[in-house]
PDB file of N, CA and C in Angstrom:
ATOM      1  N   GLY A   1      -6.465  -4.382  18.992  1.00  0.00           N
ATOM      2  CA  GLY A   1      -5.893  -3.008  18.993  1.00  0.00           C
ATOM      3  C   GLY A   1      -4.423  -2.944  18.393  1.00  0.00           C
ATOM      4  N   GLU A   2      -4.063  -1.648  18.731  1.00  0.00           N
ATOM      5  CA  GLU A   2      -2.818  -1.358  18.178  1.00  0.00           C
ATOM      6  C   GLU A   2      -1.741  -2.134  18.599  1.00  0.00           C
ATOM      7  N   GLU A   3      -1.718  -2.730  19.772  1.00  0.00           N
ATOM      8  CA  GLU A   3      -0.608  -3.772  20.223  1.00  0.00           C
ATOM      9  C   GLU A   3      -0.671  -4.957  19.563  1.00  0.00           C
ATOM     10  N   ASP A   4      -1.859  -5.362  19.192  1.00  0.00           N
ATOM     11  CA  ASP A   4      -2.099  -6.590  18.485  1.00  0.00           C
ATOM     12  C   ASP A   4      -1.380  -6.201  16.819  1.00  0.00           C
ATOM     13  N   ALA A   5      -1.758  -5.321  16.240  1.00  0.00           N
ATOM     14  CA  ALA A   5      -1.565  -4.895  15.228  1.00  0.00           C
ATOM     15  C   ALA A   5       0.156  -4.840  14.900  1.00  0.00           C
ATOM     16  N   GLN A   6       0.667  -4.281  15.811  1.00  0.00           N
ATOM     17  CA  GLN A   6       2.476  -4.150  16.020  1.00  0.00           C
ATOM     18  C   GLN A   6       2.654  -5.546  16.037  1.00  0.00           C
ATOM     19  N   ARG A   7       2.171  -6.571  16.699  1.00  0.00           N
ATOM     20  CA  ARG A   7       2.790  -7.822  16.935  1.00  0.00           C
ATOM     21  C   ARG A   7       2.642  -8.531  15.645  1.00  0.00           C
ATOM     22  N   VAL A   8       1.438  -8.459  14.968  1.00  0.00           N
ATOM     23  CA  VAL A   8       1.364  -8.881  13.730  1.00  0.00           C
ATOM     24  C   VAL A   8       2.238  -8.514  12.633  1.00  0.00           C
ATOM     25  N   LEU A   9       2.156  -7.142  12.360  1.00  0.00           N
ATOM     26  CA  LEU A   9       3.326  -6.428  11.756  1.00  0.00           C
ATOM     27  C   LEU A   9       4.777  -7.089  11.788  1.00  0.00           C
ATOM     28  N   ALA A  10       5.211  -7.213  13.113  1.00  0.00           N
ATOM     29  CA  ALA A  10       6.600  -7.420  13.320  1.00  0.00           C
ATOM     30  C   ALA A  10       6.835  -9.044  13.101  1.00  0.00           C
ATOM     31  N   GLU A  11       5.824  -9.988  13.093  1.00  0.00           N
ATOM     32  CA  GLU A  11       5.775 -11.016  12.594  1.00  0.00           C
ATOM     33  C   GLU A  11       5.791 -11.364  11.088  1.00  0.00           C
ATOM     34  N   ALA A  12       5.127 -10.648  10.513  1.00  0.00           N
ATOM     35  CA  ALA A  12       5.002 -10.537   9.149  1.00  0.00           C
ATOM     36  C   ALA A  12       6.317 -10.019   8.520  1.00  0.00           C
ATOM     37  N   LEU A  13       6.810  -8.877   8.967  1.00  0.00           N
ATOM     38  CA  LEU A  13       7.942  -8.441   8.512  1.00  0.00           C
ATOM     39  C   LEU A  13       9.091  -9.113   8.630  1.00  0.00           C
ATOM     40  N   THR A  14       9.351  -9.927   9.648  1.00  0.00           N
ATOM     41  CA  THR A  14      10.212 -11.004   9.693  1.00  0.00           C
ATOM     42  C   THR A  14      10.157 -12.073   8.725  1.00  0.00           C
ATOM     43  N   ARG A  15       9.042 -12.558   8.563  1.00  0.00           N
ATOM     44  CA  ARG A  15       8.726 -13.813   7.506  1.00  0.00           C
ATOM     45  C   ARG A  15       8.962 -13.155   6.169  1.00  0.00           C
ATOM     46  N   LEU A  16       8.675 -11.844   5.777  1.00  0.00           N
ATOM     47  CA  LEU A  16       8.532 -11.483   4.239  1.00  0.00           C
ATOM     48  C   LEU A  16      10.094 -11.185   4.256  1.00  0.00           C
ATOM     49  N   SER A  17      10.846 -10.497   4.936  1.00  0.00           N
ATOM     50  CA  SER A  17      12.200 -10.201   4.888  1.00  0.00           C
ATOM     51  C   SER A  17      12.955 -11.604   4.725  1.00  0.00           C
ATOM     52  N   GLN A  18      12.701 -12.505   5.425  1.00  0.00           N
ATOM     53  CA  GLN A  18      13.272 -13.956   4.961  1.00  0.00           C
ATOM     54  C   GLN A  18      13.144 -14.287   3.700  1.00  0.00           C
ATOM     55  N   ALA A  19      11.776 -14.508   3.443  1.00  0.00           N
ATOM     56  CA  ALA A  19      11.447 -14.885   1.923  1.00  0.00           C
ATOM     57  C   ALA A  19      11.906 -13.960   1.197  1.00  0.00           C
ATOM     58  N   ALA A  20      12.257 -12.877   1.310  1.00  0.00           N
ATOM     59  CA  ALA A  20      12.665 -11.881  -0.011  1.00  0.00           C
ATOM     60  C   ALA A  20      14.317 -11.853  -0.133  1.00  0.00           C
ATOM     61  N   GLY A  21      14.626 -12.464   0.942  1.00  0.00           N
ATOM     62  CA  GLY A  21      16.286 -12.369   1.154  1.00  0.00           C
ATOM     63  C   GLY A  21      16.856 -11.076   1.354  1.00  0.00           C
ATOM     64  N   GLY A  22      15.964  -9.945   1.923  1.00  0.00           N
ATOM     65  CA  GLY A  22      16.358  -8.733   2.276  1.00  0.00           C
ATOM     66  C   GLY A  22      15.300  -7.988   3.148  1.00  0.00           C
ATOM     67  N   GLU A  23      15.608  -6.747   3.470  1.00  0.00           N
ATOM     68  CA  GLU A  23      14.795  -6.161   4.129  1.00  0.00           C
ATOM     69  C   GLU A  23      13.565  -5.663   3.660  1.00  0.00           C
ATOM     70  N   VAL A  24      12.539  -5.803   4.278  1.00  0.00           N
ATOM     71  CA  VAL A  24      10.966  -5.476   3.952  1.00  0.00           C
ATOM     72  C   VAL A  24      10.558  -4.656   5.039  1.00  0.00           C
ATOM     73  N   THR A  25       9.858  -3.587   4.605  1.00  0.00           N
ATOM     74  CA  THR A  25       9.256  -2.508   5.533  1.00  0.00           C
ATOM     75  C   THR A  25       7.756  -2.606   5.434  1.00  0.00           C
ATOM     76  N   GLY A  26       7.435  -1.999   6.623  1.00  0.00           N
ATOM     77  CA  GLY A  26       5.731  -2.094   6.571  1.00  0.00           C
ATOM     78  C   GLY A  26       5.347  -1.107   7.678  1.00  0.00           C
ATOM     79  N   ALA A  27       4.170  -0.779   7.702  1.00  0.00           N
ATOM     80  CA  ALA A  27       3.640   0.219   8.755  1.00  0.00           C
ATOM     81  C   ALA A  27       2.227   0.079   8.873  1.00  0.00           C
ATOM     82  N   ILE A  28       1.616   0.469  10.076  1.00  0.00           N
ATOM     83  CA  ILE A  28       0.124   0.065  10.462  1.00  0.00           C
ATOM     84  C   ILE A  28      -0.310   1.679  10.038  1.00  0.00           C
ATOM     85  N   GLY A  29      -1.361   1.610   9.220  1.00  0.00           N
ATOM     86  CA  GLY A  29      -2.046   2.788   8.524  1.00  0.00           C
ATOM     87  C   GLY A  29      -3.426   2.695   8.987  1.00  0.00           C
ATOM     88  N   ASP A  30      -4.076   3.624   8.142  1.00  0.00           N
ATOM     89  CA  ASP A  30      -5.644   3.721   8.307  1.00  0.00           C
ATOM     90  C   ASP A  30      -6.340   2.499   8.307  1.00  0.00           C
ATOM     91  N   SER A  31      -7.374   2.565   9.031  1.00  0.00           N
ATOM     92  CA  SER A  31      -8.220   1.317   9.187  1.00  0.00           C
ATOM     93  C   SER A  31      -8.872   0.990   7.862  1.00  0.00           C
ATOM     94  N   GLU A  32      -9.198   2.027   7.042  1.00  0.00           N
ATOM     95  CA  GLU A  32      -9.743   1.714   5.745  1.00  0.00           C
ATOM     96  C   GLU A  32      -8.596   1.476   4.513  1.00  0.00           C
ATOM     97  N   PRO A  33      -8.486  -0.036   4.075  1.00  0.00           N
ATOM     98  CA  PRO A  33      -7.248  -0.304   3.342  1.00  0.00           C
ATOM     99  C   PRO A  33      -6.854   0.672   2.230  1.00  0.00           C
ATOM    100  N   LEU A  34      -7.649   1.155   1.547  1.00  0.00           N
ATOM    101  CA  LEU A  34      -7.327   1.953   0.293  1.00  0.00           C
ATOM    102  C   LEU A  34      -6.630   3.252   0.915  1.00  0.00           C
ATOM    103  N   MET A  35      -7.252   3.849   1.707  1.00  0.00           N
ATOM    104  CA  MET A  35      -6.768   5.141   2.365  1.00  0.00           C
ATOM    105  C   MET A  35      -5.262   4.860   3.015  1.00  0.00           C
ATOM    106  N   ALA A  36      -5.111   3.823   3.662  1.00  0.00           N
ATOM    107  CA  ALA A  36      -3.949   3.265   4.240  1.00  0.00           C
ATOM    108  C   ALA A  36      -2.892   3.305   3.078  1.00  0.00           C
ATOM    109  N   ILE A  37      -3.289   2.682   2.061  1.00  0.00           N
ATOM    110  CA  ILE A  37      -2.277   2.342   0.782  1.00  0.00           C
ATOM    111  C   ILE A  37      -1.921   3.809   0.174  1.00  0.00           C
ATOM    112  N   GLU A  38      -3.059   4.447  -0.089  1.00  0.00           N
ATOM    113  CA  GLU A  38      -2.694   5.830  -0.398  1.00  0.00           C
ATOM    114  C   GLU A  38      -1.894   6.705   0.202  1.00  0.00           C
ATOM    115  N   ASP A  39      -2.131   6.780   1.520  1.00  0.00           N
ATOM    116  CA  ASP A  39      -0.983   7.477   2.519  1.00  0.00           C
ATOM    117  C   ASP A  39       0.197   6.886   2.291  1.00  0.00           C
ATOM    118  N   ALA A  40       0.651   5.782   2.389  1.00  0.00           N
ATOM    119  CA  ALA A  40       1.961   5.250   2.270  1.00  0.00           C
ATOM    120  C   ALA A  40       2.565   5.564   1.005  1.00  0.00           C
ATOM    121  N   VAL A  41       1.821   5.386  -0.310  1.00  0.00           N
ATOM    122  CA  VAL A  41       2.245   5.645  -1.617  1.00  0.00           C
ATOM    123  C   VAL A  41       2.851   7.215  -1.516  1.00  0.00           C
ATOM    124  N   ASN A  42       2.094   8.032  -0.920  1.00  0.00           N
ATOM    125  CA  ASN A  42       2.104   9.637  -0.952  1.00  0.00           C
ATOM    126  C   ASN A  42       3.114   9.895  -0.219  1.00  0.00           C
ATOM    127  N   LEU A  43       3.544   9.129   1.066  1.00  0.00           N
ATOM    128  CA  LEU A  43       4.543   9.756   2.014  1.00  0.00           C
ATOM    129  C   LEU A  43       6.036   8.981   1.964  1.00  0.00           C
ATOM    130  N   GLY A  44       5.939   7.650   0.765  1.00  0.00           N
ATOM    131  CA  GLY A  44       7.085   6.766   0.754  1.00  0.00           C
ATOM    132  C   GLY A  44       7.556   6.781  -0.844  1.00  0.00           C
ATOM    133  N   ASP A  45       8.740   6.027  -0.770  1.00  0.00           N
ATOM    134  CA  ASP A  45       9.270   5.650  -2.268  1.00  0.00           C
ATOM    135  C   ASP A  45       8.985   3.983  -2.184  1.00  0.00           C
ATOM    136  N   TYR A  46       8.297   3.803  -2.969  1.00  0.00           N
ATOM    137  CA  TYR A  46       8.049   2.177  -3.172  1.00  0.00           C
ATOM    138  C   TYR A  46       8.181   1.747  -4.511  1.00  0.00           C
ATOM    139  N   ASP A  47       8.592   0.560  -4.823  1.00  0.00           N
ATOM    140  CA  ASP A  47       8.598  -0.143  -6.035  1.00  0.00           C
ATOM    141  C   ASP A  47       7.488  -1.074  -6.443  1.00  0.00           C
ATOM    142  N   GLU A  48       6.742  -1.506  -5.398  1.00  0.00           N
ATOM    143  CA  GLU A  48       5.683  -2.323  -5.834  1.00  0.00           C
ATOM    144  C   GLU A  48       4.621  -2.193  -4.400  1.00  0.00           C
ATOM    145  N   ILE A  49       3.547  -2.549  -4.693  1.00  0.00           N
ATOM    146  CA  ILE A  49       2.459  -2.817  -3.549  1.00  0.00           C
ATOM    147  C   ILE A  49       1.897  -4.279  -3.609  1.00  0.00           C
ATOM    148  N   ILE A  50       2.138  -4.947  -2.575  1.00  0.00           N
ATOM    149  CA  ILE A  50       1.875  -6.376  -2.344  1.00  0.00           C
ATOM    150  C   ILE A  50       0.485  -6.145  -1.263  1.00  0.00           C
ATOM    151  N   ILE A  51      -0.512  -6.780  -1.944  1.00  0.00           N
ATOM    152  CA  ILE A  51      -1.771  -7.077  -1.163  1.00  0.00           C
ATOM    153  C   ILE A  51      -2.185  -8.448  -0.847  1.00  0.00           C
ATOM    154  N   SER A  52      -2.013  -8.626   0.417  1.00  0.00           N
ATOM    155  CA  SER A  52      -2.338 -10.272   0.909  1.00  0.00           C
ATOM    156  C   SER A  52      -3.747 -10.188   1.541  1.00  0.00           C
ATOM    157  N   THR A  53      -4.621 -10.993   1.024  1.00  0.00           N
ATOM    158  CA  THR A  53      -6.051 -11.040   1.434  1.00  0.00           C
ATOM    159  C   THR A  53      -6.352 -12.479   1.688  1.00  0.00           C
ATOM    160  N   LEU A  54      -7.584 -12.736   2.541  1.00  0.00           N
ATOM    161  CA  LEU A  54      -8.024 -13.750   2.834  1.00  0.00           C
ATOM    162  C   LEU A  54      -8.569 -14.588   1.370  1.00  0.00           C
ATOM    163  N   PRO A  55      -9.239 -15.777   1.346  1.00  0.00           N
ATOM    164  CA  PRO A  55      -9.495 -16.197   0.117  1.00  0.00           C
ATOM    165  C   PRO A  55     -10.916 -15.399  -0.289  1.00  0.00           C
ATOM    166  N   ARG A  56     -11.087 -15.281  -1.655  1.00  0.00           N
ATOM    167  CA  ARG A  56     -12.110 -14.668  -2.059  1.00  0.00           C
ATOM    168  C   ARG A  56     -13.369 -14.666  -1.584  1.00  0.00           C
ATOM    169  N   ARG A  57     -13.829 -15.966  -1.213  1.00  0.00           N
ATOM    170  CA  ARG A  57     -14.994 -16.366  -0.626  1.00  0.00           C
ATOM    171  C   ARG A  57     -15.452 -15.476   0.649  1.00  0.00           C
ATOM    172  N   ILE A  58     -14.347 -15.103   1.405  1.00  0.00           N
ATOM    173  CA  ILE A  58     -14.529 -14.734   2.737  1.00  0.00           C
ATOM    174  C   ILE A  58     -13.782 -13.141   2.772  1.00  0.00           C
ATOM    175  N   SER A  59     -13.057 -12.571   1.677  1.00  0.00           N
ATOM    176  CA  SER A  59     -12.162 -11.540   1.808  1.00  0.00           C
ATOM    177  C   SER A  59     -13.083 -10.289   1.702  1.00  0.00           C
ATOM    178  N   ARG A  60     -13.352  -9.407   2.655  1.00  0.00           N
ATOM    179  CA  ARG A  60     -14.088  -8.007   2.413  1.00  0.00           C
ATOM    180  C   ARG A  60     -13.098  -7.184   1.698  1.00  0.00           C
ATOM    181  N   TRP A  61     -11.883  -7.334   1.677  1.00  0.00           N
ATOM    182  CA  TRP A  61     -11.068  -6.410   0.636  1.00  0.00           C
ATOM    183  C   TRP A  61     -11.367  -6.792  -0.847  1.00  0.00           C
ATOM    184  N   LEU A  62     -11.329  -7.906  -1.150  1.00  0.00           N
ATOM    185  CA  LEU A  62     -11.795  -8.214  -2.588  1.00  0.00           C
ATOM    186  C   LEU A  62     -13.243  -8.034  -2.901  1.00  0.00           C
ATOM    187  N   LYS A  63     -14.155  -7.724  -1.912  1.00  0.00           N
ATOM    188  CA  LYS A  63     -15.370  -7.399  -2.280  1.00  0.00           C
ATOM    189  C   LYS A  63     -15.327  -6.004  -2.529  1.00  0.00           C
ATOM    190  N   LEU A  64     -14.506  -5.245  -1.860  1.00  0.00           N
ATOM    191  CA  LEU A  64     -14.270  -3.753  -2.259  1.00  0.00           C
ATOM    192  C   LEU A  64     -13.614  -3.428  -3.325  1.00  0.00           C
ATOM    193  N   ASP A  65     -13.307  -4.496  -3.978  1.00  0.00           N
ATOM    194  CA  ASP A  65     -12.429  -4.354  -5.232  1.00  0.00           C
ATOM    195  C   ASP A  65     -10.939  -3.621  -5.033  1.00  0.00           C
ATOM    196  N   LEU A  66     -10.438  -3.946  -3.875  1.00  0.00           N
ATOM    197  CA  LEU A  66      -9.208  -3.237  -3.432  1.00  0.00           C
ATOM    198  C   LEU A  66      -8.189  -3.272  -4.345  1.00  0.00           C
ATOM    199  N   VAL A  67      -7.923  -4.537  -4.905  1.00  0.00           N
ATOM    200  CA  VAL A  67      -6.725  -4.814  -5.933  1.00  0.00           C
ATOM    201  C   VAL A  67      -6.834  -3.917  -7.165  1.00  0.00           C
ATOM    202  N   SER A  68      -8.039  -3.672  -7.899  1.00  0.00           N
ATOM    203  CA  SER A  68      -8.114  -2.832  -9.053  1.00  0.00           C
ATOM    204  C   SER A  68      -7.980  -1.618  -8.636  1.00  0.00           C
ATOM    205  N   LYS A  69      -8.478  -1.156  -7.480  1.00  0.00           N
ATOM    206  CA  LYS A  69      -8.502   0.226  -7.026  1.00  0.00           C
ATOM    207  C   LYS A  69      -7.143   0.600  -6.946  1.00  0.00           C
ATOM    208  N   THR A  70      -6.162  -0.432  -6.093  1.00  0.00           N
ATOM    209  CA  THR A  70      -4.922   0.088  -5.985  1.00  0.00           C
ATOM    210  C   THR A  70      -4.119   0.164  -7.124  1.00  0.00           C
ATOM    211  N   LYS A  71      -4.387  -0.594  -8.139  1.00  0.00           N
ATOM    212  CA  LYS A  71      -3.530  -0.586  -9.503  1.00  0.00           C
ATOM    213  C   LYS A  71      -3.658   0.833 -10.046  1.00  0.00           C
ATOM    214  N   ALA A  72      -4.711   1.669  -9.816  1.00  0.00           N
ATOM    215  CA  ALA A  72      -4.917   2.775 -10.308  1.00  0.00           C
ATOM    216  C   ALA A  72      -3.984   4.077  -9.732  1.00  0.00           C
ATOM    217  N   LEU A  73      -3.260   3.670  -8.652  1.00  0.00           N
ATOM    218  CA  LEU A  73      -2.164   4.407  -8.117  1.00  0.00           C
ATOM    219  C   LEU A  73      -0.995   4.517  -8.690  1.00  0.00           C
ATOM    220  N   GLY A  74      -0.842   3.697  -9.901  1.00  0.00           N
ATOM    221  CA  GLY A  74       0.008   3.604 -10.595  1.00  0.00           C
ATOM    222  C   GLY A  74       1.516   2.940 -10.580  1.00  0.00           C
ATOM    223  N   LEU A  75       1.425   1.984  -9.430  1.00  0.00           N
ATOM    224  CA  LEU A  75       2.531   1.272  -8.894  1.00  0.00           C
ATOM    225  C   LEU A  75       2.110  -0.231  -9.489  1.00  0.00           C
ATOM    226  N   PRO A  76       3.243  -1.155  -9.671  1.00  0.00           N
ATOM    227  CA  PRO A  76       2.737  -2.647  -9.814  1.00  0.00           C
ATOM    228  C   PRO A  76       2.104  -2.949  -8.659  1.00  0.00           C
ATOM    229  N   VAL A  77       1.088  -4.054  -8.809  1.00  0.00           N
ATOM    230  CA  VAL A  77       0.494  -4.529  -7.478  1.00  0.00           C
ATOM    231  C   VAL A  77       0.457  -5.955  -7.707  1.00  0.00           C
ATOM    232  N   THR A  78       1.033  -6.653  -6.758  1.00  0.00           N
ATOM    233  CA  THR A  78       0.833  -8.067  -6.527  1.00  0.00           C
ATOM    234  C   THR A  78       0.018  -8.360  -5.411  1.00  0.00           C
ATOM    235  N   HIS A  79      -0.931  -9.342  -5.975  1.00  0.00           N
ATOM    236  CA  HIS A  79      -1.848  -9.863  -4.946  1.00  0.00           C
ATOM    237  C   HIS A  79      -1.634 -11.132  -4.738  1.00  0.00           C
ATOM    238  N   VAL A  80      -1.601 -11.478  -3.474  1.00  0.00           N
ATOM    239  CA  VAL A  80      -1.468 -12.814  -2.611  1.00  0.00           C
ATOM    240  C   VAL A  80      -2.462 -13.294  -1.863  1.00  0.00           C
ATOM    241  N   GLU A  81      -3.435 -14.426  -2.382  1.00  0.00           N
ATOM    242  CA  GLU A  81      -4.365 -14.769  -1.630  1.00  0.00           C
ATOM    243  C   GLU A  81      -4.189 -16.021  -0.810  1.00  0.00           C
ATOM    244  N   ALA A  82      -4.738 -15.798   0.430  1.00  0.00           N
ATOM    245  CA  ALA A  82      -4.522 -17.002   1.432  1.00  0.00           C
ATOM    246  C   ALA A  82      -5.213 -18.271   0.822  1.00  0.00           C
ATOM    247  N   SER A  83      -4.700 -19.415   1.259  1.00  0.00           N
ATOM    248  CA  SER A  83      -5.332 -20.582   1.249  1.00  0.00           C
ATOM    249  C   SER A  83      -6.293 -21.085   2.119  1.00  0.00           C
ATOM    250  N   GLU A  84      -7.328 -21.226   2.025  1.00  0.00           N
ATOM    251  CA  GLU A  84      -8.332 -21.721   2.977  1.00  0.00           C
ATOM    252  C   GLU A  84      -7.946 -22.865   3.940  1.00  0.00           C
ATOM    253  N   THR A  85      -7.096 -23.494   3.505  1.00  0.00           N
ATOM    254  CA  THR A  85      -6.521 -24.596   4.272  1.00  0.00           C
ATOM    255  C   THR A  85      -5.560 -24.073   5.409  1.00  0.00           C
ATOM    256  N   LEU A  86      -4.961 -22.887   5.126  1.00  0.00           N
ATOM    257  CA  LEU A  86      -3.915 -22.391   5.833  1.00  0.00           C
ATOM    258  C   LEU A  86      -4.617 -21.621   7.019  1.00  0.00           C
ATOM    259  N   ILE A  87      -5.822 -21.092   6.860  1.00  0.00           N
ATOM    260  CA  ILE A  87      -6.603 -20.198   7.548  1.00  0.00           C
ATOM    261  C   ILE A  87      -6.771 -20.873   9.138  1.00  0.00           C
ATOM    262  N   GLY A  88      -6.196 -20.390  10.053  1.00  0.00           N
ATOM    263  CA  GLY A  88      -6.253 -20.763  11.459  1.00  0.00           C
ATOM    264  C   GLY A  88      -5.319 -21.749  11.710  1.00  0.00           C
ATOM    265  N   ALA A  89      -4.318 -22.169  10.719  1.00  0.00           N
ATOM    266  CA  ALA A  89      -3.369 -22.931  11.175  1.00  0.00           C
ATOM    267  C   ALA A  89      -2.352 -22.409  12.037  1.00  0.00           C
ATOM    268  N   PRO A  90      -1.792 -23.089  12.732  1.00  0.00           N
ATOM    269  CA  PRO A  90      -0.548 -22.583  13.616  1.00  0.00           C
ATOM    270  C   PRO A  90       0.596 -21.769  12.746  1.00  0.00           C
ATOM    271  N   ASN A  91       0.846 -20.794  13.275  1.00  0.00           N
ATOM    272  CA  ASN A  91       2.089 -20.010  12.192  1.00  0.00           C
ATOM    273  C   ASN A  91       1.835 -19.719  11.013  1.00  0.00           C
ATOM    274  N   SER A  92       0.245 -19.488  10.623  1.00  0.00           N
ATOM    275  CA  SER A  92      -0.179 -18.968   9.389  1.00  0.00           C
ATOM    276  C   SER A  92      -0.325 -17.696   8.972  1.00  0.00           C
TER     277      SER A  92
END
């Protein structure tokens, strides 16, 4: 639910901010990923879109061609694909 989503977002933002060496922002959006990205792009000022997915073999987002569709929005898109060895690992 929303409480779980808020917890996951908070953890992700902490890790991403540490890795980036600066503040990283994020928000919970529409349950349909492309709609959520379009909403964020229309409402905010972003330099880049980063899409993190499960591995290709199991990613619903990749089956929906989310990365290519997102590139059509005109911002640079970076796709990060999880390693199958990390799925389900503690703190992954």
